[in-house]
């Protein structure tokens, strides 16, 4: 039996298509949120080839879009303004791993699947300048039960330390996102994402 802990830093990409109903500048803003930074931490235990652990995977990104002559309120007035968004996704779950040695005793391929809860938060800042200027904020939040499936390739660099690369996918279809200031309105979003990054693992 051995214990492990790891840290993974990389890039995440949202895979869902942007709705065709969106127009400028909202569509431009959403496209900018499709890539971000991944931070992932794991702790657990191996018994021979099988492992059991806890995993936390976070995705963060932000975007700013300055626009001109856009009818953002669909009121027939063309205005200027700035959109700002900050998106945060946090998945925490229980994972099962299966490790297969490859090439030599220093390398392995590890398959993993996890089940857990992912929290969603997006902070939206609307700065409208023009006929009817205004500045408003909105925060949408929600959580779902989802899973994570991935594979990693590791190389044992030192006795207790290995380095590697991992890729994984986390489905993220939200049907009940809410704004605390307007609880009667329900929003949806699909933030299914691919994560790819470099990792370092310590096993004792």
N, C-alpha and C. Protein backbone atom coordinates (compact mmCIF):
# COMPACT_ATOMS: atom_id res chain seq x y z
N UNK A 1 0.85 -1.20 0.00
CA UNK A 1 0.00 0.00 0.00
C UNK A 1 0.88 1.24 0.00
N UNK A 2 0.50 2.25 -0.78
CA UNK A 2 1.25 3.49 -0.85
C UNK A 2 0.28 4.67 -0.88
N UNK A 3 0.75 5.82 -0.41
CA UNK A 3 -0.05 7.04 -0.38
C UNK A 3 0.51 8.02 -1.41
N UNK A 4 -0.39 8.81 -2.00
CA UNK A 4 0.07 9.75 -3.03
C UNK A 4 -0.63 11.10 -2.88
N UNK A 5 0.05 12.11 -3.39
CA UNK A 5 -0.52 13.43 -3.52
C UNK A 5 0.01 14.05 -4.79
N UNK A 6 -0.81 14.82 -5.50
CA UNK A 6 -0.35 15.39 -6.76
C UNK A 6 -0.94 16.78 -6.99
N UNK A 7 -0.25 17.52 -7.86
CA UNK A 7 -0.72 18.85 -8.27
C UNK A 7 -0.59 18.96 -9.78
N UNK A 8 -1.64 19.48 -10.41
CA UNK A 8 -1.70 19.59 -11.86
C UNK A 8 -2.05 21.03 -12.23
N UNK A 9 -1.24 21.61 -13.12
CA UNK A 9 -1.51 22.96 -13.62
C UNK A 9 -1.59 22.92 -15.14
N UNK A 10 -2.63 23.50 -15.70
CA UNK A 10 -2.73 23.44 -17.15
C UNK A 10 -3.78 24.37 -17.72
N UNK A 11 -4.29 23.99 -18.88
CA UNK A 11 -5.23 24.80 -19.64
C UNK A 11 -6.55 24.03 -19.77
N UNK A 12 -7.64 24.75 -19.63
CA UNK A 12 -8.96 24.17 -19.83
C UNK A 12 -9.66 24.81 -21.01
N UNK A 13 -10.48 24.04 -21.70
CA UNK A 13 -11.24 24.54 -22.83
C UNK A 13 -12.68 24.07 -22.74
N UNK A 14 -13.62 25.02 -22.84
CA UNK A 14 -15.04 24.67 -22.85
C UNK A 14 -15.39 24.14 -24.24
N UNK A 15 -16.09 23.01 -24.29
CA UNK A 15 -16.32 22.33 -25.56
C UNK A 15 -17.67 22.63 -26.18
N UNK A 16 -18.63 23.13 -25.41
CA UNK A 16 -19.98 23.37 -25.94
C UNK A 16 -19.97 24.54 -26.93
N UNK A 17 -20.79 24.44 -27.95
CA UNK A 17 -20.90 25.51 -28.92
C UNK A 17 -21.63 26.71 -28.33
N UNK A 18 -21.20 27.91 -28.71
CA UNK A 18 -21.88 29.13 -28.27
C UNK A 18 -23.21 29.23 -29.00
N UNK A 19 -24.26 29.58 -28.26
CA UNK A 19 -25.61 29.64 -28.84
C UNK A 19 -25.65 30.58 -30.04
N UNK A 20 -26.32 30.13 -31.09
CA UNK A 20 -26.46 30.95 -32.30
C UNK A 20 -27.41 32.12 -32.08
N UNK A 21 -28.14 32.10 -30.96
CA UNK A 21 -29.05 33.19 -30.66
C UNK A 21 -28.33 34.42 -30.11
N UNK A 22 -27.10 34.23 -29.64
CA UNK A 22 -26.34 35.36 -29.12
C UNK A 22 -25.81 36.21 -30.26
N UNK A 23 -25.76 37.52 -30.02
CA UNK A 23 -25.23 38.45 -31.01
C UNK A 23 -24.13 39.29 -30.37
N UNK A 24 -23.47 40.10 -31.18
CA UNK A 24 -22.44 41.02 -30.69
C UNK A 24 -23.07 42.00 -29.69
N UNK A 25 -22.41 42.29 -28.55
CA UNK A 25 -21.09 41.84 -28.13
C UNK A 25 -21.09 40.61 -27.21
N UNK A 26 -22.31 40.13 -26.84
CA UNK A 26 -22.37 39.00 -25.91
C UNK A 26 -21.66 37.77 -26.47
N UNK A 27 -21.82 37.53 -27.76
CA UNK A 27 -21.20 36.35 -28.37
C UNK A 27 -19.68 36.43 -28.29
N UNK A 28 -19.12 37.63 -28.55
CA UNK A 28 -17.67 37.82 -28.44
C UNK A 28 -17.19 37.58 -27.02
N UNK A 29 -17.96 38.05 -26.05
CA UNK A 29 -17.58 37.90 -24.65
C UNK A 29 -17.59 36.42 -24.23
N UNK A 30 -18.62 35.69 -24.60
CA UNK A 30 -18.72 34.28 -24.25
C UNK A 30 -17.58 33.47 -24.88
N UNK A 31 -17.22 33.81 -26.11
CA UNK A 31 -16.12 33.10 -26.77
C UNK A 31 -14.81 33.28 -26.02
N UNK A 32 -14.63 34.43 -25.40
CA UNK A 32 -13.39 34.68 -24.65
C UNK A 32 -13.32 33.85 -23.37
N UNK A 33 -14.47 33.39 -22.87
CA UNK A 33 -14.50 32.59 -21.65
C UNK A 33 -14.27 31.10 -21.93
N UNK A 34 -14.07 30.74 -23.20
CA UNK A 34 -13.97 29.33 -23.57
C UNK A 34 -12.62 28.71 -23.24
N UNK A 35 -11.63 29.50 -22.85
CA UNK A 35 -10.35 28.94 -22.42
C UNK A 35 -9.94 29.59 -21.11
N UNK A 36 -9.29 28.80 -20.24
CA UNK A 36 -8.91 29.31 -18.93
C UNK A 36 -7.83 28.46 -18.29
N UNK A 37 -7.59 28.69 -17.02
CA UNK A 37 -6.53 28.02 -16.27
C UNK A 37 -7.10 26.91 -15.39
N UNK A 38 -6.40 25.79 -15.36
CA UNK A 38 -6.79 24.64 -14.56
C UNK A 38 -5.81 24.46 -13.40
N UNK A 39 -6.33 24.25 -12.21
CA UNK A 39 -5.55 23.82 -11.05
C UNK A 39 -6.22 22.58 -10.47
N UNK A 40 -5.44 21.53 -10.28
CA UNK A 40 -6.01 20.28 -9.78
C UNK A 40 -5.13 19.68 -8.69
N UNK A 41 -5.76 19.22 -7.62
CA UNK A 41 -5.04 18.57 -6.52
C UNK A 41 -5.71 17.24 -6.20
N UNK A 42 -4.87 16.25 -5.85
CA UNK A 42 -5.37 14.92 -5.52
C UNK A 42 -4.60 14.36 -4.32
N UNK A 43 -5.28 13.60 -3.49
CA UNK A 43 -4.65 12.82 -2.42
C UNK A 43 -5.36 11.48 -2.37
N UNK A 44 -4.60 10.42 -2.06
CA UNK A 44 -5.24 9.12 -1.99
C UNK A 44 -4.27 8.01 -1.66
N UNK A 45 -4.71 6.79 -1.93
CA UNK A 45 -3.94 5.61 -1.57
C UNK A 45 -4.02 4.60 -2.71
N UNK A 46 -2.91 3.91 -2.95
CA UNK A 46 -2.86 2.83 -3.93
C UNK A 46 -2.70 1.50 -3.21
N UNK A 47 -3.40 0.49 -3.74
CA UNK A 47 -3.17 -0.89 -3.32
C UNK A 47 -2.88 -1.66 -4.61
N UNK A 48 -1.60 -1.95 -4.80
CA UNK A 48 -1.13 -2.53 -6.06
C UNK A 48 -1.50 -1.58 -7.20
N UNK A 49 -2.28 -2.03 -8.18
CA UNK A 49 -2.58 -1.20 -9.36
C UNK A 49 -3.78 -0.28 -9.15
N UNK A 50 -4.56 -0.51 -8.10
CA UNK A 50 -5.79 0.24 -7.91
C UNK A 50 -5.60 1.36 -6.88
N UNK A 51 -6.26 2.48 -7.15
CA UNK A 51 -6.16 3.62 -6.25
C UNK A 51 -7.53 4.20 -5.92
N UNK A 52 -7.61 4.84 -4.78
CA UNK A 52 -8.81 5.54 -4.33
C UNK A 52 -8.38 6.88 -3.77
N UNK A 53 -9.03 7.95 -4.20
CA UNK A 53 -8.58 9.26 -3.75
C UNK A 53 -9.65 10.33 -3.79
N UNK A 54 -9.26 11.50 -3.32
CA UNK A 54 -10.08 12.71 -3.41
C UNK A 54 -9.44 13.64 -4.43
N UNK A 55 -10.27 14.29 -5.23
CA UNK A 55 -9.77 15.16 -6.29
C UNK A 55 -10.52 16.48 -6.27
N UNK A 56 -9.77 17.56 -6.51
CA UNK A 56 -10.38 18.89 -6.65
C UNK A 56 -9.81 19.53 -7.91
N UNK A 57 -10.70 19.90 -8.83
CA UNK A 57 -10.30 20.50 -10.10
C UNK A 57 -11.01 21.84 -10.24
N UNK A 58 -10.24 22.91 -10.44
CA UNK A 58 -10.84 24.23 -10.59
C UNK A 58 -10.49 24.83 -11.95
N UNK A 59 -11.43 25.58 -12.49
CA UNK A 59 -11.26 26.28 -13.78
C UNK A 59 -11.59 27.74 -13.55
N UNK A 60 -10.71 28.62 -14.01
CA UNK A 60 -10.95 30.05 -13.85
C UNK A 60 -10.58 30.82 -15.10
N UNK A 61 -11.42 31.78 -15.46
CA UNK A 61 -11.13 32.63 -16.61
C UNK A 61 -11.92 33.92 -16.48
N UNK A 62 -11.47 34.96 -17.16
CA UNK A 62 -12.21 36.22 -17.19
C UNK A 62 -12.10 36.83 -18.57
N UNK A 63 -12.98 37.78 -18.85
CA UNK A 63 -13.01 38.40 -20.17
C UNK A 63 -13.53 39.82 -20.06
N UNK A 64 -13.09 40.66 -20.99
CA UNK A 64 -13.56 42.04 -21.09
C UNK A 64 -13.79 42.36 -22.56
N UNK A 65 -14.94 42.93 -22.87
CA UNK A 65 -15.27 43.31 -24.24
C UNK A 65 -15.81 44.73 -24.26
N UNK A 66 -15.09 45.62 -24.92
CA UNK A 66 -15.57 46.99 -25.13
C UNK A 66 -16.29 47.01 -26.48
N UNK A 67 -17.50 47.56 -26.50
CA UNK A 67 -18.29 47.53 -27.73
C UNK A 67 -18.80 48.93 -28.08
N UNK A 68 -19.15 49.07 -29.35
CA UNK A 68 -19.69 50.34 -29.86
C UNK A 68 -20.86 50.05 -30.78
N UNK A 69 -21.85 50.94 -30.71
CA UNK A 69 -23.01 50.88 -31.61
C UNK A 69 -23.67 49.51 -31.60
N UNK A 70 -24.02 49.05 -30.40
CA UNK A 70 -24.69 47.75 -30.26
C UNK A 70 -26.00 47.93 -29.50
N UNK A 71 -27.03 47.22 -29.92
CA UNK A 71 -28.33 47.27 -29.26
C UNK A 71 -28.38 46.14 -28.24
N UNK A 72 -27.67 46.30 -27.14
CA UNK A 72 -27.54 45.21 -26.16
C UNK A 72 -28.84 44.95 -25.41
N UNK A 73 -29.69 45.96 -25.27
CA UNK A 73 -30.96 45.79 -24.56
C UNK A 73 -32.13 45.50 -25.50
N UNK A 74 -31.84 45.44 -26.79
CA UNK A 74 -32.88 45.18 -27.81
C UNK A 74 -34.03 46.18 -27.68
N UNK A 75 -33.63 47.46 -27.48
CA UNK A 75 -34.64 48.51 -27.35
C UNK A 75 -34.55 49.52 -28.49
N UNK A 76 -33.82 49.15 -29.56
CA UNK A 76 -33.65 49.98 -30.76
C UNK A 76 -32.72 51.16 -30.53
N UNK A 77 -32.04 51.22 -29.37
CA UNK A 77 -31.04 52.25 -29.12
C UNK A 77 -29.65 51.62 -29.22
N UNK A 78 -28.79 52.21 -30.04
CA UNK A 78 -27.44 51.71 -30.22
C UNK A 78 -26.50 52.47 -29.29
N UNK A 79 -25.80 51.71 -28.46
CA UNK A 79 -25.01 52.32 -27.39
C UNK A 79 -23.62 51.73 -27.35
N UNK A 80 -22.77 52.36 -26.51
CA UNK A 80 -21.42 51.88 -26.27
C UNK A 80 -21.34 51.37 -24.83
N UNK A 81 -20.35 50.53 -24.57
CA UNK A 81 -20.21 50.05 -23.20
C UNK A 81 -19.09 49.04 -23.05
N UNK A 82 -19.03 48.43 -21.88
CA UNK A 82 -18.01 47.43 -21.57
C UNK A 82 -18.67 46.27 -20.82
N UNK A 83 -18.39 45.06 -21.28
CA UNK A 83 -18.82 43.85 -20.59
C UNK A 83 -17.62 43.23 -19.89
N UNK A 84 -17.84 42.76 -18.66
CA UNK A 84 -16.79 42.05 -17.94
C UNK A 84 -17.39 40.81 -17.28
N UNK A 85 -16.68 39.69 -17.42
CA UNK A 85 -17.15 38.44 -16.83
C UNK A 85 -15.99 37.72 -16.16
N UNK A 86 -16.30 37.08 -15.04
CA UNK A 86 -15.32 36.21 -14.36
C UNK A 86 -16.02 34.90 -14.03
N UNK A 87 -15.53 33.80 -14.64
CA UNK A 87 -16.15 32.49 -14.49
C UNK A 87 -15.27 31.58 -13.64
N UNK A 88 -15.91 30.89 -12.69
CA UNK A 88 -15.19 29.97 -11.80
C UNK A 88 -15.98 28.66 -11.70
N UNK A 89 -15.28 27.53 -11.94
CA UNK A 89 -15.88 26.20 -11.81
C UNK A 89 -15.02 25.39 -10.86
N UNK A 90 -15.64 24.75 -9.88
CA UNK A 90 -14.91 23.97 -8.88
C UNK A 90 -15.54 22.61 -8.70
N UNK A 91 -14.81 21.58 -9.13
CA UNK A 91 -15.26 20.20 -9.02
C UNK A 91 -14.52 19.50 -7.89
N UNK A 92 -15.24 18.84 -6.99
CA UNK A 92 -14.65 18.06 -5.90
C UNK A 92 -15.34 16.71 -5.85
N UNK A 93 -14.52 15.63 -5.87
CA UNK A 93 -15.14 14.32 -5.90
C UNK A 93 -14.26 13.21 -5.39
N UNK A 94 -14.82 12.01 -5.41
CA UNK A 94 -14.14 10.79 -5.03
C UNK A 94 -13.73 10.08 -6.32
N UNK A 95 -12.46 9.66 -6.42
CA UNK A 95 -11.97 9.06 -7.65
C UNK A 95 -11.45 7.64 -7.44
N UNK A 96 -11.55 6.86 -8.52
CA UNK A 96 -10.98 5.52 -8.59
C UNK A 96 -9.95 5.52 -9.71
N UNK A 97 -8.76 4.95 -9.44
CA UNK A 97 -7.67 4.95 -10.40
C UNK A 97 -7.19 3.54 -10.69
N UNK A 98 -6.65 3.34 -11.90
CA UNK A 98 -6.06 2.06 -12.26
C UNK A 98 -4.75 2.34 -13.00
N UNK A 99 -3.66 1.83 -12.46
CA UNK A 99 -2.32 2.14 -12.96
C UNK A 99 -1.74 0.96 -13.73
N UNK A 100 -1.21 1.23 -14.94
CA UNK A 100 -0.63 0.20 -15.79
C UNK A 100 0.81 0.58 -16.13
N UNK A 101 1.81 -0.22 -15.75
CA UNK A 101 3.20 0.07 -16.13
C UNK A 101 3.36 -0.04 -17.65
N UNK A 102 4.17 0.85 -18.23
CA UNK A 102 4.45 0.82 -19.67
C UNK A 102 5.93 1.02 -19.92
N UNK A 103 6.42 0.40 -20.97
CA UNK A 103 7.81 0.52 -21.43
C UNK A 103 8.81 0.01 -20.40
N UNK A 104 8.81 0.63 -19.22
CA UNK A 104 9.73 0.19 -18.16
C UNK A 104 9.12 0.52 -16.81
N UNK A 105 9.79 0.14 -15.77
CA UNK A 105 9.23 0.31 -14.43
C UNK A 105 9.10 1.77 -14.01
N UNK A 106 9.71 2.68 -14.74
CA UNK A 106 9.66 4.10 -14.38
C UNK A 106 8.44 4.82 -14.95
N UNK A 107 7.73 4.20 -15.87
CA UNK A 107 6.60 4.87 -16.52
C UNK A 107 5.31 4.11 -16.27
N UNK A 108 4.22 4.85 -16.22
CA UNK A 108 2.91 4.21 -16.09
C UNK A 108 1.84 5.07 -16.73
N UNK A 109 0.77 4.41 -17.16
CA UNK A 109 -0.45 5.08 -17.60
C UNK A 109 -1.50 4.83 -16.53
N UNK A 110 -2.13 5.89 -16.06
CA UNK A 110 -3.15 5.78 -15.03
C UNK A 110 -4.48 6.29 -15.55
N UNK A 111 -5.48 5.42 -15.51
CA UNK A 111 -6.85 5.79 -15.88
C UNK A 111 -7.61 6.16 -14.61
N UNK A 112 -8.50 7.14 -14.75
CA UNK A 112 -9.24 7.57 -13.55
C UNK A 112 -10.66 7.95 -13.91
N UNK A 113 -11.55 7.76 -12.95
CA UNK A 113 -12.92 8.25 -13.06
C UNK A 113 -13.36 8.72 -11.68
N UNK A 114 -14.03 9.85 -11.65
CA UNK A 114 -14.44 10.45 -10.37
C UNK A 114 -15.90 10.86 -10.44
N UNK A 115 -16.53 10.89 -9.29
CA UNK A 115 -17.91 11.36 -9.17
C UNK A 115 -17.95 12.39 -8.04
N UNK A 116 -18.57 13.54 -8.32
CA UNK A 116 -18.60 14.57 -7.29
C UNK A 116 -19.55 15.70 -7.63
N UNK A 117 -19.33 16.83 -7.01
CA UNK A 117 -20.16 18.02 -7.17
C UNK A 117 -19.33 19.15 -7.75
N UNK A 118 -19.89 19.83 -8.73
CA UNK A 118 -19.22 20.99 -9.31
C UNK A 118 -20.03 22.26 -9.05
N UNK A 119 -19.37 23.26 -8.47
CA UNK A 119 -20.00 24.55 -8.22
C UNK A 119 -19.66 25.52 -9.34
N UNK A 120 -20.63 26.34 -9.71
CA UNK A 120 -20.51 27.30 -10.82
C UNK A 120 -20.76 28.70 -10.27
N UNK A 121 -19.88 29.63 -10.61
CA UNK A 121 -20.09 31.04 -10.27
C UNK A 121 -19.61 31.90 -11.43
N UNK A 122 -20.44 32.82 -11.87
CA UNK A 122 -20.00 33.81 -12.86
C UNK A 122 -20.42 35.19 -12.38
N UNK A 123 -19.46 36.10 -12.33
CA UNK A 123 -19.71 37.49 -11.96
C UNK A 123 -19.76 38.31 -13.25
N UNK A 124 -20.86 39.01 -13.45
CA UNK A 124 -21.07 39.77 -14.68
C UNK A 124 -21.18 41.26 -14.36
N UNK A 125 -20.43 42.05 -15.10
CA UNK A 125 -20.37 43.51 -14.90
C UNK A 125 -20.80 44.18 -16.21
N UNK A 126 -21.89 44.96 -16.15
CA UNK A 126 -22.40 45.66 -17.33
C UNK A 126 -22.21 47.16 -17.14
N UNK A 127 -21.41 47.76 -18.00
CA UNK A 127 -21.21 49.20 -17.97
C UNK A 127 -21.73 49.77 -19.29
N UNK A 128 -22.92 50.37 -19.25
CA UNK A 128 -23.59 50.86 -20.45
C UNK A 128 -23.46 52.37 -20.54
N UNK A 129 -22.98 52.83 -21.68
CA UNK A 129 -22.82 54.27 -21.91
C UNK A 129 -23.59 54.66 -23.16
N UNK A 130 -24.34 55.75 -23.08
CA UNK A 130 -25.10 56.16 -24.26
C UNK A 130 -26.38 56.85 -23.86
N UNK A 131 -27.47 56.52 -24.54
CA UNK A 131 -28.75 57.20 -24.32
C UNK A 131 -29.24 57.06 -22.89
N UNK A 132 -29.15 55.84 -22.35
CA UNK A 132 -29.56 55.57 -20.97
C UNK A 132 -28.41 54.87 -20.24
N UNK A 133 -27.42 55.63 -19.76
CA UNK A 133 -26.24 55.01 -19.13
C UNK A 133 -26.60 54.31 -17.83
N UNK A 134 -25.90 53.21 -17.57
CA UNK A 134 -26.11 52.46 -16.33
C UNK A 134 -24.91 51.58 -16.06
N UNK A 135 -24.78 51.15 -14.81
CA UNK A 135 -23.69 50.25 -14.40
C UNK A 135 -24.30 49.25 -13.43
N UNK A 136 -24.29 47.99 -13.81
CA UNK A 136 -24.94 46.98 -12.97
C UNK A 136 -24.07 45.73 -12.87
N UNK A 137 -24.38 44.93 -11.84
CA UNK A 137 -23.65 43.68 -11.58
C UNK A 137 -24.67 42.55 -11.41
N UNK A 138 -24.22 41.36 -11.78
CA UNK A 138 -25.05 40.17 -11.58
C UNK A 138 -24.12 38.98 -11.30
N UNK A 139 -24.52 38.15 -10.34
CA UNK A 139 -23.78 36.94 -10.04
C UNK A 139 -24.71 35.74 -10.16
N UNK A 140 -24.36 34.80 -11.04
CA UNK A 140 -25.12 33.58 -11.23
C UNK A 140 -24.38 32.43 -10.56
N UNK A 141 -25.11 31.60 -9.84
CA UNK A 141 -24.49 30.47 -9.15
C UNK A 141 -25.34 29.21 -9.33
N UNK A 142 -24.70 28.07 -9.15
CA UNK A 142 -25.41 26.80 -9.21
C UNK A 142 -24.45 25.66 -8.95
N UNK A 143 -24.97 24.47 -8.77
CA UNK A 143 -24.13 23.29 -8.57
C UNK A 143 -24.85 22.07 -9.14
N UNK A 144 -24.06 21.10 -9.59
CA UNK A 144 -24.61 19.87 -10.14
C UNK A 144 -23.74 18.69 -9.69
N UNK A 145 -24.32 17.51 -9.73
CA UNK A 145 -23.56 16.27 -9.57
C UNK A 145 -23.06 15.87 -10.95
N UNK A 146 -21.77 15.65 -11.08
CA UNK A 146 -21.19 15.29 -12.37
C UNK A 146 -20.01 14.36 -12.15
N UNK A 147 -19.34 14.00 -13.24
CA UNK A 147 -18.20 13.10 -13.13
C UNK A 147 -17.00 13.68 -13.86
N UNK A 148 -15.88 13.00 -13.70
CA UNK A 148 -14.66 13.35 -14.40
C UNK A 148 -13.99 12.06 -14.87
N UNK A 149 -13.59 12.03 -16.12
CA UNK A 149 -12.88 10.87 -16.67
C UNK A 149 -11.58 11.36 -17.28
N UNK A 150 -10.48 10.67 -16.98
CA UNK A 150 -9.21 11.14 -17.49
C UNK A 150 -8.15 10.06 -17.54
N UNK A 151 -7.01 10.43 -18.12
CA UNK A 151 -5.87 9.53 -18.22
C UNK A 151 -4.60 10.36 -18.03
N UNK A 152 -3.62 9.77 -17.36
CA UNK A 152 -2.35 10.46 -17.15
C UNK A 152 -1.19 9.54 -17.49
N UNK A 153 -0.11 10.13 -17.98
CA UNK A 153 1.13 9.42 -18.26
C UNK A 153 2.20 9.97 -17.33
N UNK A 154 2.80 9.10 -16.52
CA UNK A 154 3.75 9.52 -15.49
C UNK A 154 5.13 8.90 -15.71
N UNK A 155 6.14 9.67 -15.34
CA UNK A 155 7.52 9.18 -15.36
C UNK A 155 8.14 9.40 -13.99
N UNK A 156 8.68 8.33 -13.41
CA UNK A 156 9.28 8.42 -12.07
C UNK A 156 10.64 9.09 -12.17
N UNK A 157 10.70 10.32 -11.71
CA UNK A 157 11.93 11.11 -11.80
C UNK A 157 12.89 10.78 -10.67
N UNK A 158 12.35 10.67 -9.46
CA UNK A 158 13.12 10.33 -8.27
C UNK A 158 12.38 9.21 -7.54
N UNK A 159 12.91 8.76 -6.43
CA UNK A 159 12.33 7.62 -5.72
C UNK A 159 10.87 7.86 -5.35
N UNK A 160 10.57 9.07 -4.87
CA UNK A 160 9.22 9.38 -4.42
C UNK A 160 8.49 10.37 -5.33
N UNK A 161 9.17 10.86 -6.35
CA UNK A 161 8.62 11.95 -7.16
C UNK A 161 8.50 11.53 -8.63
N UNK A 162 7.33 11.77 -9.20
CA UNK A 162 7.13 11.54 -10.63
C UNK A 162 6.50 12.77 -11.27
N UNK A 163 6.75 12.92 -12.56
CA UNK A 163 6.16 14.02 -13.32
C UNK A 163 5.37 13.42 -14.48
N UNK A 164 4.41 14.17 -14.98
CA UNK A 164 3.61 13.62 -16.06
C UNK A 164 2.70 14.64 -16.71
N UNK A 165 1.83 14.12 -17.55
CA UNK A 165 0.85 14.93 -18.24
C UNK A 165 -0.51 14.25 -18.13
N UNK A 166 -1.55 15.04 -17.98
CA UNK A 166 -2.89 14.48 -17.81
C UNK A 166 -3.89 15.21 -18.68
N UNK A 167 -4.87 14.49 -19.18
CA UNK A 167 -6.01 15.10 -19.85
C UNK A 167 -7.29 14.48 -19.31
N UNK A 168 -8.33 15.29 -19.16
CA UNK A 168 -9.58 14.79 -18.60
C UNK A 168 -10.74 15.63 -19.10
N UNK A 169 -11.94 15.10 -18.92
CA UNK A 169 -13.15 15.82 -19.31
C UNK A 169 -14.13 15.82 -18.14
N UNK A 170 -14.79 16.96 -17.94
CA UNK A 170 -15.81 17.09 -16.90
C UNK A 170 -17.08 17.65 -17.55
N UNK A 171 -18.14 16.86 -17.65
CA UNK A 171 -19.41 17.38 -18.17
C UNK A 171 -19.96 18.47 -17.25
N UNK A 172 -20.65 19.46 -17.84
CA UNK A 172 -21.14 20.57 -17.01
C UNK A 172 -22.35 21.26 -17.58
N UNK A 173 -23.47 20.56 -17.65
CA UNK A 173 -24.70 21.15 -18.17
C UNK A 173 -25.56 21.62 -16.99
N UNK A 174 -25.73 22.94 -16.87
CA UNK A 174 -26.48 23.54 -15.77
C UNK A 174 -27.86 24.00 -16.26
N UNK A 175 -28.90 23.56 -15.57
CA UNK A 175 -30.27 23.91 -15.94
C UNK A 175 -30.92 24.90 -14.98
N UNK A 176 -30.29 25.13 -13.80
CA UNK A 176 -30.94 25.97 -12.79
C UNK A 176 -29.96 26.94 -12.15
N UNK A 177 -29.30 27.75 -12.97
CA UNK A 177 -28.46 28.82 -12.44
C UNK A 177 -29.35 29.96 -11.97
N UNK A 178 -28.99 30.55 -10.81
CA UNK A 178 -29.85 31.60 -10.25
C UNK A 178 -29.05 32.84 -9.87
N UNK A 179 -29.74 33.95 -9.93
CA UNK A 179 -29.22 35.24 -9.47
C UNK A 179 -29.93 35.54 -8.14
N UNK A 180 -29.15 35.74 -7.08
CA UNK A 180 -29.74 35.95 -5.76
C UNK A 180 -30.67 37.16 -5.72
N UNK A 181 -30.40 38.16 -6.55
CA UNK A 181 -31.23 39.36 -6.56
C UNK A 181 -32.50 39.19 -7.39
N UNK A 182 -32.53 38.18 -8.25
CA UNK A 182 -33.72 37.91 -9.05
C UNK A 182 -33.99 36.41 -9.06
N UNK A 183 -34.38 35.84 -7.92
CA UNK A 183 -34.52 34.39 -7.78
C UNK A 183 -35.57 33.76 -8.67
N UNK A 184 -36.48 34.55 -9.21
CA UNK A 184 -37.53 33.99 -10.06
C UNK A 184 -37.02 33.66 -11.46
N UNK A 185 -35.86 34.20 -11.82
CA UNK A 185 -35.29 33.94 -13.15
C UNK A 185 -34.33 32.76 -13.07
N UNK A 186 -34.47 31.83 -14.01
CA UNK A 186 -33.61 30.66 -14.07
C UNK A 186 -32.78 30.73 -15.36
N UNK A 187 -31.48 30.48 -15.22
CA UNK A 187 -30.58 30.54 -16.36
C UNK A 187 -29.95 29.17 -16.60
N UNK A 188 -29.49 28.93 -17.82
CA UNK A 188 -28.83 27.68 -18.17
C UNK A 188 -27.46 27.96 -18.78
N UNK A 189 -26.58 26.98 -18.72
CA UNK A 189 -25.26 27.10 -19.35
C UNK A 189 -24.65 25.71 -19.45
N UNK A 190 -23.87 25.49 -20.49
CA UNK A 190 -23.14 24.25 -20.66
C UNK A 190 -21.65 24.56 -20.65
N UNK A 191 -20.98 24.16 -19.59
CA UNK A 191 -19.55 24.45 -19.43
C UNK A 191 -18.73 23.16 -19.38
N UNK A 192 -19.17 22.14 -20.13
CA UNK A 192 -18.36 20.93 -20.26
C UNK A 192 -16.97 21.31 -20.72
N UNK A 193 -15.95 20.75 -20.07
CA UNK A 193 -14.59 21.21 -20.38
C UNK A 193 -13.58 20.09 -20.46
N UNK A 194 -12.59 20.31 -21.30
CA UNK A 194 -11.41 19.47 -21.38
C UNK A 194 -10.29 20.14 -20.60
N UNK A 195 -9.56 19.35 -19.82
CA UNK A 195 -8.42 19.87 -19.07
C UNK A 195 -7.16 19.13 -19.51
N UNK A 196 -6.11 19.87 -19.77
CA UNK A 196 -4.81 19.27 -20.11
C UNK A 196 -3.73 20.02 -19.37
N UNK A 197 -2.88 19.27 -18.66
CA UNK A 197 -1.84 19.97 -17.89
C UNK A 197 -0.70 19.06 -17.46
N UNK A 198 0.35 19.71 -16.96
CA UNK A 198 1.49 19.01 -16.41
C UNK A 198 1.27 18.77 -14.92
N UNK A 199 1.75 17.63 -14.43
CA UNK A 199 1.54 17.33 -13.02
C UNK A 199 2.80 16.80 -12.37
N UNK A 200 2.83 16.98 -11.07
CA UNK A 200 3.88 16.40 -10.24
C UNK A 200 3.21 15.59 -9.16
N UNK A 201 3.74 14.37 -8.91
CA UNK A 201 3.11 13.46 -7.96
C UNK A 201 4.16 12.95 -6.97
N UNK A 202 3.77 12.91 -5.72
CA UNK A 202 4.62 12.35 -4.67
C UNK A 202 3.95 11.10 -4.14
N UNK A 203 4.69 9.98 -4.11
CA UNK A 203 4.15 8.71 -3.63
C UNK A 203 5.07 8.14 -2.56
N UNK A 204 4.48 7.79 -1.42
CA UNK A 204 5.30 7.25 -0.31
C UNK A 204 4.70 5.94 0.18
